[in-house]
Amino acid sequence: ATCALTLPGHDPRTLAGILADHRIAVTAGDFHAPTIMSALNLKDGALRIGVLHYNTDAEVDRTLEVLTTLAAR
């Protein structure tokens, strides 16, 4: 599963960098869909996170912990 998300007040590319500092691989941008991003009023794009069979529960938990901490700022 792949999801795209935003956190109000946070630039998606900055979030991707922070997650990378925590050794969490994600991407950010418009993903070659600028028309959709514009229609969704996401001028800075979104953060994209993929979770598949090779991700461990601990990796998913760590990702959610970092995102929760960032969202609280």
Protein backbone atom coordinates (compact mmCIF):
# COMPACT_ATOMS: atom_id res chain seq x y z
CA ALA A 1 0.00 0.00 0.00
CA THR A 2 1.16 3.49 -0.79
CA CYS A 3 -0.34 6.57 0.75
CA ALA A 4 0.17 10.27 0.22
CA LEU A 5 -0.30 12.64 3.10
CA THR A 6 0.38 16.12 4.37
CA LEU A 7 0.82 17.56 7.83
CA PRO A 8 -0.56 21.09 8.18
CA GLY A 9 2.22 23.59 8.65
CA HIS A 10 4.92 21.22 7.39
CA ASP A 11 6.52 21.18 3.95
CA PRO A 12 6.46 17.64 2.51
CA ARG A 13 10.07 17.81 1.33
CA THR A 14 11.22 18.95 4.76
CA LEU A 15 9.27 16.09 6.33
CA ALA A 16 10.94 13.64 3.96
CA GLY A 17 14.33 14.96 5.06
CA ILE A 18 13.46 14.62 8.74
CA LEU A 19 12.22 11.08 8.19
CA ALA A 20 15.42 10.29 6.28
CA ASP A 21 17.38 11.49 9.33
CA HIS A 22 15.48 8.78 11.23
CA ARG A 23 16.42 6.22 8.54
CA ILE A 24 12.88 6.13 7.18
CA ALA A 25 12.73 6.14 3.38
CA VAL A 26 9.88 8.18 1.89
CA THR A 27 9.51 10.57 -1.02
CA ALA A 28 7.87 13.94 -1.47
CA GLY A 29 6.66 16.00 -4.39
CA ASP A 30 3.88 16.05 -6.95
CA PHE A 31 4.71 12.57 -8.31
CA HIS A 32 4.21 13.69 -11.91
CA ALA A 33 0.62 14.65 -11.11
CA PRO A 34 0.69 18.46 -10.84
CA THR A 35 -2.90 18.82 -12.03
CA ILE A 36 -4.21 16.60 -9.25
CA MET A 37 -2.02 18.30 -6.65
CA SER A 38 -3.28 21.67 -7.83
CA ALA A 39 -6.91 20.49 -7.71
CA LEU A 40 -6.30 19.31 -4.14
CA ASN A 41 -4.68 22.67 -3.33
CA LEU A 42 -1.39 20.95 -2.49
CA LYS A 43 1.01 23.45 -4.06
CA ASP A 44 3.97 21.84 -2.27
CA GLY A 45 2.88 18.30 -3.11
CA ALA A 46 2.60 15.52 -0.57
CA LEU A 47 4.64 13.02 1.39
CA ARG A 48 4.45 9.50 -0.02
CA ILE A 49 4.93 6.47 2.19
CA GLY A 50 4.89 2.88 0.99
CA VAL A 51 4.25 -0.02 3.33
CA LEU A 52 4.66 -3.50 1.89
CA HIS A 53 5.30 -7.06 2.92
CA TYR A 54 8.99 -6.40 3.56
CA ASN A 55 8.36 -3.68 6.17
CA THR A 56 8.50 -4.81 9.76
CA ASP A 57 6.00 -3.84 12.45
CA ALA A 58 8.82 -1.96 14.19
CA GLU A 59 9.50 0.11 11.05
CA VAL A 60 5.85 1.03 10.72
CA ASP A 61 5.65 1.90 14.42
CA ARG A 62 8.78 4.08 14.17
CA THR A 63 7.36 5.91 11.15
CA LEU A 64 4.10 6.59 12.97
CA GLU A 65 5.96 7.74 16.09
CA VAL A 66 8.05 10.25 14.13
CA LEU A 67 4.99 11.53 12.23
CA THR A 68 3.02 11.86 15.47
CA THR A 69 5.84 13.85 17.06
CA LEU A 70 6.08 16.12 14.01
CA ALA A 71 2.31 16.63 13.89
CA ALA A 72 2.34 17.78 17.51
CA ARG A 73 4.79 20.61 16.72
